């Protein structure tokens, strides 16, 4: 089953709203933030016509690491 462009846009909006309201207070919140950031990247990939990353792909998606 595939998602329509409209459904992808709606899900992307919902994920971005959730991300904007998150207040990180513990490790569970940090994990949720990471999962939502990953979902946002996957939805953006689907929206642009690409394929979502495979679930087994453990590459870090999100903010780049700070320079030391």
N, C-alpha and C. Protein backbone atom coordinates (compact mmCIF):
# COMPACT_ATOMS: atom_id res chain seq x y z
N UNK A 1 0.85 -1.18 0.00
CA UNK A 1 0.00 0.00 0.00
C UNK A 1 0.89 1.24 0.00
N UNK A 2 0.53 2.20 -0.80
CA UNK A 2 1.31 3.44 -0.84
C UNK A 2 0.45 4.59 -0.32
N UNK A 3 1.11 5.66 0.03
CA UNK A 3 0.43 6.84 0.56
C UNK A 3 0.29 7.88 -0.54
N UNK A 4 -0.82 8.60 -0.54
CA UNK A 4 -1.01 9.69 -1.50
C UNK A 4 -0.13 10.87 -1.07
N UNK A 5 0.15 11.74 -2.03
CA UNK A 5 0.95 12.93 -1.73
C UNK A 5 0.29 13.76 -0.63
N UNK A 6 -1.01 13.86 -0.66
CA UNK A 6 -1.75 14.63 0.36
C UNK A 6 -1.58 14.01 1.75
N UNK A 7 -1.63 12.69 1.81
CA UNK A 7 -1.44 12.01 3.11
C UNK A 7 -0.03 12.21 3.63
N UNK A 8 0.94 12.16 2.74
CA UNK A 8 2.33 12.38 3.16
C UNK A 8 2.50 13.80 3.69
N UNK A 9 1.93 14.77 2.99
CA UNK A 9 2.01 16.17 3.44
C UNK A 9 1.36 16.34 4.81
N UNK A 10 0.21 15.71 5.01
CA UNK A 10 -0.50 15.82 6.29
C UNK A 10 0.33 15.20 7.42
N UNK A 11 0.88 14.02 7.17
CA UNK A 11 1.71 13.37 8.18
C UNK A 11 2.96 14.19 8.49
N UNK A 12 3.56 14.75 7.45
CA UNK A 12 4.73 15.60 7.65
C UNK A 12 4.39 16.82 8.50
N UNK A 13 3.26 17.44 8.23
CA UNK A 13 2.82 18.58 9.05
C UNK A 13 2.62 18.17 10.51
N UNK A 14 2.00 17.03 10.73
CA UNK A 14 1.76 16.57 12.10
C UNK A 14 3.07 16.28 12.84
N UNK A 15 4.01 15.66 12.15
CA UNK A 15 5.31 15.37 12.77
C UNK A 15 6.02 16.67 13.12
N UNK A 16 6.01 17.64 12.21
CA UNK A 16 6.68 18.91 12.47
C UNK A 16 6.02 19.68 13.61
N UNK A 17 4.71 19.61 13.71
CA UNK A 17 4.01 20.25 14.83
C UNK A 17 4.43 19.60 16.15
N UNK A 18 4.44 18.28 16.17
CA UNK A 18 4.85 17.56 17.39
C UNK A 18 6.28 17.92 17.77
N UNK A 19 7.19 17.98 16.78
CA UNK A 19 8.58 18.35 17.06
C UNK A 19 8.68 19.76 17.64
N UNK A 20 7.88 20.67 17.13
CA UNK A 20 7.96 22.06 17.60
C UNK A 20 7.47 22.22 19.04
N UNK A 21 6.63 21.31 19.51
CA UNK A 21 6.10 21.41 20.87
C UNK A 21 6.81 20.52 21.89
N UNK A 22 7.79 19.75 21.44
CA UNK A 22 8.45 18.82 22.35
C UNK A 22 9.34 19.55 23.35
N UNK A 23 9.29 19.06 24.57
CA UNK A 23 10.14 19.56 25.65
C UNK A 23 10.91 18.34 26.17
N UNK A 24 12.19 18.30 25.90
CA UNK A 24 13.00 17.14 26.25
C UNK A 24 13.39 17.22 27.73
N UNK A 25 12.91 16.22 28.49
CA UNK A 25 13.21 16.22 29.92
C UNK A 25 13.86 14.92 30.40
N UNK A 26 13.85 13.90 29.55
CA UNK A 26 14.49 12.63 29.94
C UNK A 26 14.89 11.85 28.70
N UNK A 27 15.46 10.68 28.92
CA UNK A 27 15.94 9.86 27.80
C UNK A 27 14.82 9.40 26.89
N UNK A 28 13.68 9.10 27.46
CA UNK A 28 12.54 8.67 26.64
C UNK A 28 12.12 9.78 25.69
N UNK A 29 12.07 11.02 26.18
CA UNK A 29 11.75 12.15 25.32
C UNK A 29 12.80 12.31 24.22
N UNK A 30 14.06 12.12 24.56
CA UNK A 30 15.14 12.22 23.58
C UNK A 30 14.98 11.15 22.50
N UNK A 31 14.61 9.93 22.91
CA UNK A 31 14.37 8.85 21.94
C UNK A 31 13.19 9.20 21.04
N UNK A 32 12.13 9.73 21.63
CA UNK A 32 10.97 10.13 20.83
C UNK A 32 11.35 11.21 19.83
N UNK A 33 12.17 12.16 20.25
CA UNK A 33 12.65 13.21 19.35
C UNK A 33 13.40 12.60 18.17
N UNK A 34 14.28 11.66 18.46
CA UNK A 34 15.05 11.00 17.41
C UNK A 34 14.14 10.26 16.44
N UNK A 35 13.15 9.55 16.96
CA UNK A 35 12.21 8.80 16.10
C UNK A 35 11.41 9.77 15.23
N UNK A 36 10.97 10.88 15.79
CA UNK A 36 10.21 11.85 15.01
C UNK A 36 11.06 12.51 13.94
N UNK A 37 12.33 12.80 14.27
CA UNK A 37 13.23 13.38 13.27
C UNK A 37 13.44 12.40 12.12
N UNK A 38 13.58 11.14 12.46
CA UNK A 38 13.75 10.09 11.45
C UNK A 38 12.49 9.98 10.58
N UNK A 39 11.32 10.01 11.21
CA UNK A 39 10.06 9.95 10.48
C UNK A 39 9.93 11.14 9.53
N UNK A 40 10.34 12.32 9.99
CA UNK A 40 10.29 13.51 9.14
C UNK A 40 11.16 13.33 7.90
N UNK A 41 12.37 12.81 8.08
CA UNK A 41 13.26 12.59 6.95
C UNK A 41 12.69 11.55 5.98
N UNK A 42 12.10 10.50 6.51
CA UNK A 42 11.51 9.48 5.65
C UNK A 42 10.32 10.04 4.88
N UNK A 43 9.49 10.84 5.54
CA UNK A 43 8.35 11.44 4.85
C UNK A 43 8.81 12.43 3.79
N UNK A 44 9.85 13.19 4.07
CA UNK A 44 10.39 14.11 3.06
C UNK A 44 10.91 13.34 1.85
N UNK A 45 11.55 12.21 2.10
CA UNK A 45 12.05 11.39 1.00
C UNK A 45 10.89 10.87 0.15
N UNK A 46 9.83 10.43 0.80
CA UNK A 46 8.65 9.97 0.06
C UNK A 46 8.00 11.11 -0.71
N UNK A 47 7.95 12.29 -0.09
CA UNK A 47 7.31 13.45 -0.71
C UNK A 47 8.05 13.87 -1.97
N UNK A 48 9.37 13.76 -1.95
CA UNK A 48 10.17 14.18 -3.11
C UNK A 48 10.26 13.10 -4.17
N UNK A 49 9.55 11.99 -3.98
CA UNK A 49 9.53 10.94 -4.97
C UNK A 49 10.58 9.88 -4.76
N UNK A 50 11.39 10.04 -3.74
CA UNK A 50 12.41 9.04 -3.43
C UNK A 50 11.81 7.92 -2.62
N UNK A 51 12.65 7.03 -2.21
CA UNK A 51 12.21 5.92 -1.37
C UNK A 51 12.62 6.20 0.06
N UNK A 52 11.80 5.83 0.99
CA UNK A 52 12.13 5.99 2.40
C UNK A 52 13.30 5.07 2.74
N UNK A 53 14.09 5.47 3.73
CA UNK A 53 15.21 4.65 4.16
C UNK A 53 14.69 3.34 4.73
N UNK A 54 15.42 2.29 4.51
CA UNK A 54 15.02 1.01 5.06
C UNK A 54 15.07 1.04 6.57
N UNK A 55 14.19 0.33 7.22
CA UNK A 55 14.14 0.34 8.68
C UNK A 55 15.42 -0.18 9.30
N UNK A 56 16.12 -1.08 8.64
CA UNK A 56 17.35 -1.62 9.18
C UNK A 56 18.53 -0.67 9.06
N UNK A 57 18.38 0.41 8.33
CA UNK A 57 19.46 1.36 8.13
C UNK A 57 19.62 2.20 9.40
N UNK A 58 20.74 2.05 10.06
CA UNK A 58 20.93 2.72 11.36
C UNK A 58 21.75 3.99 11.27
N UNK A 59 21.89 4.56 10.08
CA UNK A 59 22.63 5.82 9.97
C UNK A 59 21.91 6.91 10.74
N UNK A 60 22.69 7.80 11.33
CA UNK A 60 22.11 8.89 12.11
C UNK A 60 21.50 9.92 11.17
N UNK A 61 20.25 10.25 11.42
CA UNK A 61 19.55 11.28 10.66
C UNK A 61 19.17 12.38 11.64
N UNK A 62 19.38 13.58 11.26
CA UNK A 62 19.02 14.69 12.14
C UNK A 62 20.11 15.73 12.18
N UNK A 63 20.30 16.30 13.32
CA UNK A 63 21.28 17.35 13.49
C UNK A 63 22.71 16.81 13.39
N UNK A 64 23.60 17.57 12.72
CA UNK A 64 25.00 17.11 12.65
C UNK A 64 25.67 17.23 14.02
N UNK A 65 26.71 16.44 14.20
CA UNK A 65 27.45 16.49 15.45
C UNK A 65 28.18 17.82 15.59
N UNK A 66 28.36 18.26 16.82
CA UNK A 66 29.09 19.51 17.09
C UNK A 66 30.56 19.31 16.78
N UNK A 67 31.17 20.37 16.26
CA UNK A 67 32.60 20.32 15.96
C UNK A 67 33.40 20.47 17.26
N UNK A 68 34.40 19.62 17.44
CA UNK A 68 35.21 19.66 18.66
C UNK A 68 36.39 20.58 18.51
